[in-house]
Amino acid sequence: PGLGKPVFDKLQANLAKAMLSIPAAKGFEYGSGFAGVSMKGS
C-alpha cells in the first residue's frame, strides 16, 4: 500500500500513459473498467 500520488501522478494514470505509449495500443482499463458502469454502487 502507498504507491502513487494524488491528482496528476495517480498510479493508474501513469500506468495508462505507459500502456498507451506502446505502438498500436488503443485502450486501457483497470479494475472493473468499463464493465463497472453497468453495476450498482452497492
Full PDB file with SEQRES, HELIX, SHEET, SSBOND, CRYST1, ORIGX, SCALE, CONECT and MASTER records, all heavy atoms in Angstrom:
SEQRES   1 A   42  PRO GLY LEU GLY LYS PRO VAL PHE ASP LYS LEU GLN ALA          
SEQRES   2 A   42  ASN LEU ALA LYS ALA MET LEU SER ILE PRO ALA ALA LYS          
SEQRES   3 A   42  GLY PHE GLU TYR GLY SER GLY PHE ALA GLY VAL SER MET          
SEQRES   4 A   42  LYS GLY SER                                                  
HELIX    1 AA1 VAL A    7  ASP A    9  5                                   3    
HELIX    2 AA2 LEU A   11  LEU A   20  1                                  10    
HELIX    3 AA3 GLY A   33  SER A   38  5                                   6    
CRYST1    1.000    1.000    1.000  90.00  90.00  90.00 P 1           1          
ORIGX1      1.000000  0.000000  0.000000        0.00000                         
ORIGX2      0.000000  1.000000  0.000000        0.00000                         
ORIGX3      0.000000  0.000000  1.000000        0.00000                         
SCALE1      1.000000  0.000000  0.000000        0.00000                         
SCALE2      0.000000  1.000000  0.000000        0.00000                         
SCALE3      0.000000  0.000000  1.000000        0.00000                         
ATOM      1  N   PRO A   1       0.842  -1.202   0.000  1.00  0.00           N  
ATOM      2  CA  PRO A   1       0.000   0.000   0.000  1.00  0.00           C  
ATOM      3  C   PRO A   1       0.869   1.241   0.000  1.00  0.00           C  
ATOM      4  O   PRO A   1       1.965   1.254   0.557  1.00  0.00           O  
ATOM      5  CB  PRO A   1      -0.778  -0.114   1.320  1.00  0.00           C  
ATOM      6  CG  PRO A   1      -0.642  -1.536   1.744  1.00  0.00           C  
ATOM      7  CD  PRO A   1       0.671  -2.004   1.218  1.00  0.00           C  
ATOM      8  N   GLY A   2       0.384   2.277  -0.668  1.00  0.00           N  
ATOM      9  CA  GLY A   2       1.071   3.562  -0.607  1.00  0.00           C  
ATOM     10  C   GLY A   2       1.833   3.993  -1.835  1.00  0.00           C  
ATOM     11  O   GLY A   2       2.442   5.072  -1.832  1.00  0.00           O  
ATOM     12  N   LEU A   3       1.819   3.197  -2.920  1.00  0.00           N  
ATOM     13  CA  LEU A   3       2.486   3.636  -4.148  1.00  0.00           C  
ATOM     14  C   LEU A   3       1.524   4.495  -4.957  1.00  0.00           C  
ATOM     15  O   LEU A   3       0.357   4.146  -5.133  1.00  0.00           O  
ATOM     16  CB  LEU A   3       2.941   2.441  -4.987  1.00  0.00           C  
ATOM     17  CG  LEU A   3       3.932   1.459  -4.369  1.00  0.00           C  
ATOM     18  CD1 LEU A   3       4.501   0.556  -5.459  1.00  0.00           C  
ATOM     19  CD2 LEU A   3       5.040   2.162  -3.608  1.00  0.00           C  
ATOM     20  N   GLY A   4       2.015   5.599  -5.484  1.00  0.00           N  
ATOM     21  CA  GLY A   4       1.178   6.528  -6.230  1.00  0.00           C  
ATOM     22  C   GLY A   4       1.019   7.835  -5.492  1.00  0.00           C  
ATOM     23  O   GLY A   4       1.282   7.921  -4.287  1.00  0.00           O  
ATOM     24  N   LYS A   5       0.602   8.856  -6.226  1.00  0.00           N  
ATOM     25  CA  LYS A   5       0.411  10.184  -5.642  1.00  0.00           C  
ATOM     26  C   LYS A   5      -0.945  10.733  -6.075  1.00  0.00           C  
ATOM     27  O   LYS A   5      -1.454  10.372  -7.136  1.00  0.00           O  
ATOM     28  CB  LYS A   5       1.528  11.131  -6.083  1.00  0.00           C  
ATOM     29  CG  LYS A   5       2.907  10.726  -5.568  1.00  0.00           C  
ATOM     30  CD  LYS A   5       3.941  11.773  -5.922  1.00  0.00           C  
ATOM     31  CE  LYS A   5       5.307  11.408  -5.355  1.00  0.00           C  
ATOM     32  NZ  LYS A   5       6.315  12.449  -5.634  1.00  0.00           N  
ATOM     33  N   PRO A   6      -1.529  11.611  -5.274  1.00  0.00           N  
ATOM     34  CA  PRO A   6      -2.836  12.177  -5.643  1.00  0.00           C  
ATOM     35  C   PRO A   6      -2.782  13.028  -6.907  1.00  0.00           C  
ATOM     36  O   PRO A   6      -1.719  13.459  -7.352  1.00  0.00           O  
ATOM     37  CB  PRO A   6      -3.204  13.027  -4.419  1.00  0.00           C  
ATOM     38  CG  PRO A   6      -2.330  12.538  -3.313  1.00  0.00           C  
ATOM     39  CD  PRO A   6      -1.062  12.083  -3.971  1.00  0.00           C  
ATOM     40  N   VAL A   7      -3.913  13.266  -7.461  1.00  0.00           N  
ATOM     41  CA  VAL A   7      -4.178  14.195  -8.557  1.00  0.00           C  
ATOM     42  C   VAL A   7      -3.486  13.777  -9.865  1.00  0.00           C  
ATOM     43  O   VAL A   7      -3.938  12.850 -10.521  1.00  0.00           O  
ATOM     44  CB  VAL A   7      -3.838  15.656  -8.170  1.00  0.00           C  
ATOM     45  CG1 VAL A   7      -4.412  16.624  -9.205  1.00  0.00           C  
ATOM     46  CG2 VAL A   7      -4.397  15.994  -6.773  1.00  0.00           C  
ATOM     47  N   PHE A   8      -2.383  14.389 -10.258  1.00  0.00           N  
ATOM     48  CA  PHE A   8      -1.840  14.172 -11.604  1.00  0.00           C  
ATOM     49  C   PHE A   8      -0.864  13.010 -11.723  1.00  0.00           C  
ATOM     50  O   PHE A   8      -0.539  12.599 -12.838  1.00  0.00           O  
ATOM     51  CB  PHE A   8      -1.186  15.453 -12.123  1.00  0.00           C  
ATOM     52  CG  PHE A   8      -2.158  16.592 -12.288  1.00  0.00           C  
ATOM     53  CD1 PHE A   8      -2.006  17.753 -11.557  1.00  0.00           C  
ATOM     54  CD2 PHE A   8      -3.231  16.482 -13.145  1.00  0.00           C  
ATOM     55  CE1 PHE A   8      -2.908  18.803 -11.685  1.00  0.00           C  
ATOM     56  CE2 PHE A   8      -4.143  17.520 -13.291  1.00  0.00           C  
ATOM     57  CZ  PHE A   8      -3.978  18.683 -12.552  1.00  0.00           C  
ATOM     58  N   ASP A   9      -0.379  12.489 -10.613  1.00  0.00           N  
ATOM     59  CA  ASP A   9       0.534  11.350 -10.661  1.00  0.00           C  
ATOM     60  C   ASP A   9      -0.080  10.122 -10.003  1.00  0.00           C  
ATOM     61  O   ASP A   9       0.605   9.355  -9.324  1.00  0.00           O  
ATOM     62  CB  ASP A   9       1.877  11.699 -10.011  1.00  0.00           C  
ATOM     63  CG  ASP A   9       2.751  12.532 -10.933  1.00  0.00           C  
ATOM     64  OD1 ASP A   9       2.824  12.185 -12.130  1.00  0.00           O  
ATOM     65  OD2 ASP A   9       3.326  13.535 -10.472  1.00  0.00           O  
ATOM     66  N   LYS A  10      -1.375   9.956 -10.202  1.00  0.00           N  
ATOM     67  CA  LYS A  10      -2.039   8.751  -9.717  1.00  0.00           C  
ATOM     68  C   LYS A  10      -1.402   7.524 -10.365  1.00  0.00           C  
ATOM     69  O   LYS A  10      -0.989   7.572 -11.530  1.00  0.00           O  
ATOM     70  CB  LYS A  10      -3.528   8.806 -10.046  1.00  0.00           C  
ATOM     71  CG  LYS A  10      -4.280   9.882  -9.268  1.00  0.00           C  
ATOM     72  CD  LYS A  10      -5.748   9.901  -9.632  1.00  0.00           C  
ATOM     73  CE  LYS A  10      -6.495  10.945  -8.797  1.00  0.00           C  
ATOM     74  NZ  LYS A  10      -7.926  11.016  -9.121  1.00  0.00           N  
ATOM     75  N   LEU A  11      -1.336   6.444  -9.617  1.00  0.00           N  
ATOM     76  CA  LEU A  11      -0.684   5.234 -10.116  1.00  0.00           C  
ATOM     77  C   LEU A  11      -1.338   4.736 -11.395  1.00  0.00           C  
ATOM     78  O   LEU A  11      -0.658   4.377 -12.361  1.00  0.00           O  
ATOM     79  CB  LEU A  11      -0.708   4.151  -9.035  1.00  0.00           C  
ATOM     80  CG  LEU A  11       0.044   2.851  -9.331  1.00  0.00           C  
ATOM     81  CD1 LEU A  11       1.489   3.118  -9.722  1.00  0.00           C  
ATOM     82  CD2 LEU A  11      -0.026   1.924  -8.125  1.00  0.00           C  
ATOM     83  N   GLN A  12      -2.683   4.724 -11.425  1.00  0.00           N  
ATOM     84  CA  GLN A  12      -3.362   4.230 -12.630  1.00  0.00           C  
ATOM     85  C   GLN A  12      -3.170   5.173 -13.814  1.00  0.00           C  
ATOM     86  O   GLN A  12      -3.146   4.730 -14.969  1.00  0.00           O  
ATOM     87  CB  GLN A  12      -4.859   3.995 -12.367  1.00  0.00           C  
ATOM     88  CG  GLN A  12      -5.730   5.243 -12.333  1.00  0.00           C  
ATOM     89  CD  GLN A  12      -5.824   5.831 -10.942  1.00  0.00           C  
ATOM     90  OE1 GLN A  12      -4.946   5.615 -10.111  1.00  0.00           O  
ATOM     91  NE2 GLN A  12      -6.895   6.569 -10.660  1.00  0.00           N  
ATOM     92  N   ALA A  13      -2.998   6.469 -13.534  1.00  0.00           N  
ATOM     93  CA  ALA A  13      -2.769   7.427 -14.622  1.00  0.00           C  
ATOM     94  C   ALA A  13      -1.415   7.181 -15.276  1.00  0.00           C  
ATOM     95  O   ALA A  13      -1.282   7.236 -16.508  1.00  0.00           O  
ATOM     96  CB  ALA A  13      -2.851   8.856 -14.095  1.00  0.00           C  
ATOM     97  N   ASN A  14      -0.399   6.890 -14.462  1.00  0.00           N  
ATOM     98  CA  ASN A  14       0.920   6.621 -15.025  1.00  0.00           C  
ATOM     99  C   ASN A  14       0.964   5.263 -15.715  1.00  0.00           C  
ATOM    100  O   ASN A  14       1.670   5.092 -16.714  1.00  0.00           O  
ATOM    101  CB  ASN A  14       1.979   6.705 -13.929  1.00  0.00           C  
ATOM    102  CG  ASN A  14       2.273   8.144 -13.544  1.00  0.00           C  
ATOM    103  OD1 ASN A  14       1.948   9.074 -14.272  1.00  0.00           O  
ATOM    104  ND2 ASN A  14       2.876   8.347 -12.392  1.00  0.00           N  
ATOM    105  N   LEU A  15       0.207   4.301 -15.191  1.00  0.00           N  
ATOM    106  CA  LEU A  15       0.103   3.024 -15.899  1.00  0.00           C  
ATOM    107  C   LEU A  15      -0.585   3.204 -17.246  1.00  0.00           C  
ATOM    108  O   LEU A  15      -0.165   2.634 -18.258  1.00  0.00           O  
ATOM    109  CB  LEU A  15      -0.678   2.014 -15.051  1.00  0.00           C  
ATOM    110  CG  LEU A  15       0.076   1.356 -13.900  1.00  0.00           C  
ATOM    111  CD1 LEU A  15      -0.877   0.575 -13.004  1.00  0.00           C  
ATOM    112  CD2 LEU A  15       1.187   0.433 -14.412  1.00  0.00           C  
ATOM    113  N   ALA A  16      -1.633   4.025 -17.269  1.00  0.00           N  
ATOM    114  CA  ALA A  16      -2.343   4.278 -18.523  1.00  0.00           C  
ATOM    115  C   ALA A  16      -1.427   4.946 -19.542  1.00  0.00           C  
ATOM    116  O   ALA A  16      -1.397   4.562 -20.719  1.00  0.00           O  
ATOM    117  CB  ALA A  16      -3.566   5.144 -18.260  1.00  0.00           C  
ATOM    118  N   LYS A  17      -0.667   5.936 -19.090  1.00  0.00           N  
ATOM    119  CA  LYS A  17       0.268   6.610 -20.009  1.00  0.00           C  
ATOM    120  C   LYS A  17       1.289   5.625 -20.551  1.00  0.00           C  
ATOM    121  O   LYS A  17       1.598   5.633 -21.750  1.00  0.00           O  
ATOM    122  CB  LYS A  17       0.983   7.748 -19.288  1.00  0.00           C  
ATOM    123  CG  LYS A  17       2.001   8.463 -20.172  1.00  0.00           C  
ATOM    124  CD  LYS A  17       2.686   9.607 -19.459  1.00  0.00           C  
ATOM    125  CE  LYS A  17       3.708  10.269 -20.390  1.00  0.00           C  
ATOM    126  NZ  LYS A  17       4.389  11.409 -19.750  1.00  0.00           N  
ATOM    127  N   ALA A  18       1.800   4.773 -19.669  1.00  0.00           N  
ATOM    128  CA  ALA A  18       2.793   3.789 -20.091  1.00  0.00           C  
ATOM    129  C   ALA A  18       2.224   2.860 -21.151  1.00  0.00           C  
ATOM    130  O   ALA A  18       2.859   2.599 -22.186  1.00  0.00           O  
ATOM    131  CB  ALA A  18       3.268   2.984 -18.883  1.00  0.00           C  
ATOM    132  N   MET A  19       1.013   2.359 -20.920  1.00  0.00           N  
ATOM    133  CA  MET A  19       0.430   1.393 -21.848  1.00  0.00           C  
ATOM    134  C   MET A  19       0.029   2.036 -23.169  1.00  0.00           C  
ATOM    135  O   MET A  19       0.230   1.472 -24.243  1.00  0.00           O  
ATOM    136  CB  MET A  19      -0.787   0.714 -21.200  1.00  0.00           C  
ATOM    137  CG  MET A  19      -0.437  -0.078 -19.963  1.00  0.00           C  
ATOM    138  SD  MET A  19       0.921  -1.246 -20.222  1.00  0.00           S  
ATOM    139  CE  MET A  19       1.796  -1.093 -18.650  1.00  0.00           C  
ATOM    140  N   LEU A  20      -0.515   3.227 -23.094  1.00  0.00           N  
ATOM    141  CA  LEU A  20      -0.958   3.899 -24.323  1.00  0.00           C  
ATOM    142  C   LEU A  20       0.202   4.466 -25.129  1.00  0.00           C  
ATOM    143  O   LEU A  20       0.013   4.910 -26.262  1.00  0.00           O  
ATOM    144  CB  LEU A  20      -1.976   4.988 -23.984  1.00  0.00           C  
ATOM    145  CG  LEU A  20      -3.303   4.449 -23.421  1.00  0.00           C  
ATOM    146  CD1 LEU A  20      -4.215   5.604 -23.016  1.00  0.00           C  
ATOM    147  CD2 LEU A  20      -3.997   3.538 -24.422  1.00  0.00           C  
ATOM    148  N   SER A  21       1.403   4.436 -24.556  1.00  0.00           N  
ATOM    149  CA  SER A  21       2.584   4.842 -25.322  1.00  0.00           C  
ATOM    150  C   SER A  21       3.123   3.701 -26.172  1.00  0.00           C  
ATOM    151  O   SER A  21       3.984   3.909 -27.034  1.00  0.00           O  
ATOM    152  CB  SER A  21       3.695   5.323 -24.373  1.00  0.00           C  
ATOM    153  OG  SER A  21       4.310   4.225 -23.696  1.00  0.00           O  
ATOM    154  N   ILE A  22       2.623   2.490 -25.955  1.00  0.00           N  
ATOM    155  CA  ILE A  22       3.064   1.337 -26.744  1.00  0.00           C  
ATOM    156  C   ILE A  22       2.453   1.422 -28.141  1.00  0.00           C  
ATOM    157  O   ILE A  22       1.254   1.693 -28.277  1.00  0.00           O  
ATOM    158  CB  ILE A  22       2.639   0.019 -26.059  1.00  0.00           C  
ATOM    159  CG1 ILE A  22       3.261  -0.080 -24.660  1.00  0.00           C  
ATOM    160  CG2 ILE A  22       3.059  -1.186 -26.901  1.00  0.00           C  
ATOM    161  CD1 ILE A  22       2.740  -1.254 -23.849  1.00  0.00           C  
ATOM    162  N   PRO A  23       3.230   1.203 -29.190  1.00  0.00           N  
ATOM    163  CA  PRO A  23       2.662   1.259 -30.545  1.00  0.00           C  
ATOM    164  C   PRO A  23       1.453   0.345 -30.693  1.00  0.00           C  
ATOM    165  O   PRO A  23       1.441  -0.780 -30.196  1.00  0.00           O  
ATOM    166  CB  PRO A  23       3.833   0.770 -31.423  1.00  0.00           C  
ATOM    167  CG  PRO A  23       5.055   1.133 -30.651  1.00  0.00           C  
ATOM    168  CD  PRO A  23       4.689   0.949 -29.204  1.00  0.00           C  
ATOM    169  N   ALA A  24       0.431   0.848 -31.353  1.00  0.00           N  
ATOM    170  CA  ALA A  24      -0.821   0.137 -31.672  1.00  0.00           C  
ATOM    171  C   ALA A  24      -1.778   0.035 -30.498  1.00  0.00           C  
ATOM    172  O   ALA A  24      -2.881  -0.484 -30.649  1.00  0.00           O  
ATOM    173  CB  ALA A  24      -0.556  -1.262 -32.233  1.00  0.00           C  
ATOM    174  N   ALA A  25      -1.414   0.523 -29.304  1.00  0.00           N  
ATOM    175  CA  ALA A  25      -2.333   0.488 -28.165  1.00  0.00           C  
ATOM    176  C   ALA A  25      -3.462   1.491 -28.374  1.00  0.00           C  
ATOM    177  O   ALA A  25      -3.219   2.640 -28.739  1.00  0.00           O  
ATOM    178  CB  ALA A  25      -1.598   0.787 -26.870  1.00  0.00           C  
ATOM    179  N   LYS A  26      -4.698   1.055 -28.143  1.00  0.00           N  
ATOM    180  CA  LYS A  26      -5.854   1.919 -28.378  1.00  0.00           C  
ATOM    181  C   LYS A  26      -6.754   2.085 -27.159  1.00  0.00           C  
ATOM    182  O   LYS A  26      -7.635   2.936 -27.153  1.00  0.00           O  
ATOM    183  CB  LYS A  26      -6.704   1.350 -29.524  1.00  0.00           C  
ATOM    184  CG  LYS A  26      -5.985   1.277 -30.856  1.00  0.00           C  
ATOM    185  CD  LYS A  26      -5.636   2.646 -31.392  1.00  0.00           C  
ATOM    186  CE  LYS A  26      -6.842   3.333 -31.973  1.00  0.00           C  
ATOM    187  NZ  LYS A  26      -6.479   4.624 -32.625  1.00  0.00           N  
ATOM    188  N   GLY A  27      -6.565   1.270 -26.130  1.00  0.00           N  
ATOM    189  CA  GLY A  27      -7.439   1.374 -24.976  1.00  0.00           C  
ATOM    190  C   GLY A  27      -6.800   0.826 -23.718  1.00  0.00           C  
ATOM    191  O   GLY A  27      -5.951  -0.063 -23.775  1.00  0.00           O  
ATOM    192  N   PHE A  28      -7.230   1.376 -22.560  1.00  0.00           N  
ATOM    193  CA  PHE A  28      -6.711   0.937 -21.258  1.00  0.00           C  
ATOM    194  C   PHE A  28      -7.851   0.972 -20.258  1.00  0.00           C  
ATOM    195  O   PHE A  28      -8.644   1.920 -20.233  1.00  0.00           O  
ATOM    196  CB  PHE A  28      -5.589   1.877 -20.797  1.00  0.00           C  
ATOM    197  CG  PHE A  28      -5.119   1.623 -19.379  1.00  0.00           C  
ATOM    198  CD1 PHE A  28      -4.131   0.694 -19.118  1.00  0.00           C  
ATOM    199  CD2 PHE A  28      -5.670   2.327 -18.313  1.00  0.00           C  
ATOM    200  CE1 PHE A  28      -3.696   0.458 -17.821  1.00  0.00           C  
ATOM    201  CE2 PHE A  28      -5.241   2.098 -17.003  1.00  0.00           C  
ATOM    202  CZ  PHE A  28      -4.252   1.162 -16.763  1.00  0.00           C  
ATOM    203  N   GLU A  29      -7.951  -0.068 -19.440  1.00  0.00           N  
ATOM    204  CA  GLU A  29      -8.896  -0.061 -18.334  1.00  0.00           C  
ATOM    205  C   GLU A  29      -8.295  -0.859 -17.177  1.00  0.00           C  
ATOM    206  O   GLU A  29      -7.542  -1.807 -17.398  1.00  0.00           O  
ATOM    207  CB  GLU A  29     -10.251  -0.640 -18.729  1.00  0.00           C  
ATOM    208  CG  GLU A  29     -10.230  -2.101 -19.137  1.00  0.00           C  
ATOM    209  CD  GLU A  29     -11.635  -2.638 -19.417  1.00  0.00           C  
ATOM    210  OE1 GLU A  29     -12.594  -1.868 -19.355  1.00  0.00           O  
ATOM    211  OE2 GLU A  29     -11.744  -3.847 -19.707  1.00  0.00           O  
ATOM    212  N   TYR A  30      -8.601  -0.431 -15.959  1.00  0.00           N  
ATOM    213  CA  TYR A  30      -8.087  -1.160 -14.798  1.00  0.00           C  
ATOM    214  C   TYR A  30      -9.247  -1.470 -13.870  1.00  0.00           C  
ATOM    215  O   TYR A  30     -10.305  -0.825 -13.915  1.00  0.00           O  
ATOM    216  CB  TYR A  30      -7.002  -0.350 -14.089  1.00  0.00           C  
ATOM    217  CG  TYR A  30      -7.515   0.789 -13.245  1.00  0.00           C  
ATOM    218  CD1 TYR A  30      -7.599   0.668 -11.857  1.00  0.00           C  
ATOM    219  CD2 TYR A  30      -7.922   1.987 -13.831  1.00  0.00           C  
ATOM    220  CE1 TYR A  30      -8.078   1.709 -11.079  1.00  0.00           C  
ATOM    221  CE2 TYR A  30      -8.397   3.032 -13.060  1.00  0.00           C  
ATOM    222  CZ  TYR A  30      -8.478   2.888 -11.684  1.00  0.00           C  
ATOM    223  OH  TYR A  30      -8.960   3.913 -10.915  1.00  0.00           O  
ATOM    224  N   GLY A  31      -9.051  -2.493 -13.017  1.00  0.00           N  
ATOM    225  CA  GLY A  31     -10.138  -2.902 -12.141  1.00  0.00           C  
ATOM    226  C   GLY A  31     -11.363  -3.300 -12.943  1.00  0.00           C  
ATOM    227  O   GLY A  31     -11.265  -3.964 -13.972  1.00  0.00           O  
ATOM    228  N   SER A  32     -12.534  -2.867 -12.484  1.00  0.00           N  
ATOM    229  CA  SER A  32     -13.772  -3.202 -13.197  1.00  0.00           C  
ATOM    230  C   SER A  32     -13.856  -2.534 -14.567  1.00  0.00           C  
ATOM    231  O   SER A  32     -14.606  -2.966 -15.435  1.00  0.00           O  
ATOM    232  CB  SER A  32     -14.982  -2.791 -12.361  1.00  0.00           C  
ATOM    233  OG  SER A  32     -14.986  -1.388 -12.146  1.00  0.00           O  
ATOM    234  N   GLY A  33     -13.099  -1.455 -14.752  1.00  0.00           N  
ATOM    235  CA  GLY A  33     -13.061  -0.793 -16.047  1.00  0.00           C  
ATOM    236  C   GLY A  33     -14.423  -0.361 -16.546  1.00  0.00           C  
ATOM    237  O   GLY A  33     -15.290   0.051 -15.775  1.00  0.00           O  
ATOM    238  N   PHE A  34     -14.648  -0.499 -17.840  1.00  0.00           N  
ATOM    239  CA  PHE A  34     -15.895  -0.052 -18.451  1.00  0.00           C  
ATOM    240  C   PHE A  34     -17.083  -0.897 -17.999  1.00  0.00           C  
ATOM    241  O   PHE A  34     -18.222  -0.431 -18.012  1.00  0.00           O  
ATOM    242  CB  PHE A  34     -15.778  -0.072 -19.971  1.00  0.00           C  
ATOM    243  CG  PHE A  34     -14.863   0.994 -20.510  1.00  0.00           C  
ATOM    244  CD1 PHE A  34     -13.558   0.694 -20.891  1.00  0.00           C  
ATOM    245  CD2 PHE A  34     -15.284   2.306 -20.613  1.00  0.00           C  
ATOM    246  CE1 PHE A  34     -12.706   1.681 -21.369  1.00  0.00           C  
ATOM    247  CE2 PHE A  34     -14.441   3.304 -21.098  1.00  0.00           C  
ATOM    248  CZ  PHE A  34     -13.149   2.986 -21.471  1.00  0.00           C  
ATOM    249  N   ALA A  35     -16.826  -2.149 -17.600  1.00  0.00           N  
ATOM    250  CA  ALA A  35     -17.919  -3.005 -17.147  1.00  0.00           C  
ATOM    251  C   ALA A  35     -18.553  -2.464 -15.873  1.00  0.00           C  
ATOM    252  O   ALA A  35     -19.722  -2.749 -15.576  1.00  0.00           O  
ATOM    253  CB  ALA A  35     -17.418  -4.426 -16.910  1.00  0.00           C  
ATOM    254  N   GLY A  36     -17.807  -1.660 -15.126  1.00  0.00           N  
ATOM    255  CA  GLY A  36     -18.313  -1.116 -13.871  1.00  0.00           C  
ATOM    256  C   GLY A  36     -19.496  -0.185 -14.036  1.00  0.00           C  
ATOM    257  O   GLY A  36     -20.281  -0.003 -13.089  1.00  0.00           O  
ATOM    258  N   VAL A  37     -19.661   0.391 -15.220  1.00  0.00           N  
ATOM    259  CA  VAL A  37     -20.758   1.353 -15.410  1.00  0.00           C  
ATOM    260  C   VAL A  37     -22.125   0.677 -15.344  1.00  0.00           C  
ATOM    261  O   VAL A  37     -23.137   1.345 -15.077  1.00  0.00           O  
ATOM    262  CB  VAL A  37     -20.615   2.129 -16.736  1.00  0.00           C  
ATOM    263  CG1 VAL A  37     -19.282   2.825 -16.812  1.00  0.00           C  
ATOM    264  CG2 VAL A  37     -20.791   1.195 -17.946  1.00  0.00           C  
ATOM    265  N   SER A  38     -22.174  -0.630 -15.572  1.00  0.00           N  
ATOM    266  CA  SER A  38     -23.456  -1.336 -15.554  1.00  0.00           C  
ATOM    267  C   SER A  38     -23.779  -1.913 -14.175  1.00  0.00           C  
ATOM    268  O   SER A  38     -24.812  -2.558 -13.996  1.00  0.00           O  
ATOM    269  CB  SER A  38     -23.451  -2.469 -16.594  1.00  0.00           C  
ATOM    270  OG  SER A  38     -22.451  -3.416 -16.294  1.00  0.00           O  
ATOM    271  N   MET A  39     -22.893  -1.659 -13.200  1.00  0.00           N  
ATOM    272  CA  MET A  39     -23.111  -2.173 -11.846  1.00  0.00           C  
ATOM    273  C   MET A  39     -23.700  -1.086 -10.949  1.00  0.00           C  
ATOM    274  O   MET A  39     -23.535   0.112 -11.211  1.00  0.00           O  
ATOM    275  CB  MET A  39     -21.781  -2.664 -11.256  1.00  0.00           C  
ATOM    276  CG  MET A  39     -21.108  -3.761 -12.046  1.00  0.00           C  
ATOM    277  SD  MET A  39     -19.457  -4.152 -11.428  1.00  0.00           S  
ATOM    278  CE  MET A  39     -19.859  -4.895  -9.841  1.00  0.00           C  
ATOM    279  N   LYS A  40     -24.393  -1.518  -9.897  1.00  0.00           N  
ATOM    280  CA  LYS A  40     -24.834  -0.573  -8.875  1.00  0.00           C  
ATOM    281  C   LYS A  40     -23.717  -0.351  -7.873  1.00  0.00           C  
ATOM    282  O   LYS A  40     -22.856  -1.214  -7.694  1.00  0.00           O  
ATOM    283  CB  LYS A  40     -26.089  -1.116  -8.180  1.00  0.00           C  
ATOM    284  CG  LYS A  40     -27.320  -1.178  -9.079  1.00  0.00           C  
ATOM    285  CD  LYS A  40     -28.521  -1.754  -8.355  1.00  0.00           C  
ATOM    286  CE  LYS A  40     -28.347  -3.252  -8.142  1.00  0.00           C  
ATOM    287  NZ  LYS A  40     -29.592  -3.858  -7.596  1.00  0.00           N  
ATOM    288  N   GLY A  41     -23.759   0.802  -7.212  1.00  0.00           N  
ATOM    289  CA  GLY A  41     -22.719   1.094  -6.232  1.00  0.00           C  
ATOM    290  C   GLY A  41     -22.661   0.058  -5.125  1.00  0.00           C  
ATOM    291  O   GLY A  41     -21.581  -0.282  -4.627  1.00  0.00           O  
ATOM    292  N   SER A  42     -23.811  -0.463  -4.744  1.00  0.00           N  
ATOM    293  CA  SER A  42     -23.862  -1.487  -3.698  1.00  0.00           C  
ATOM    294  C   SER A  42     -23.190  -2.777  -4.142  1.00  0.00           C  
ATOM    295  O   SER A  42     -22.758  -3.580  -3.314  1.00  0.00           O  
ATOM    296  CB  SER A  42     -25.319  -1.768  -3.319  1.00  0.00           C  
ATOM    297  OG  SER A  42     -26.076  -2.140  -4.467  1.00  0.00           O  
TER     298      SER A  42                                                      
MASTER        0    0    0    3    0    0    0    6  297    1    0    4          
END                                                                             
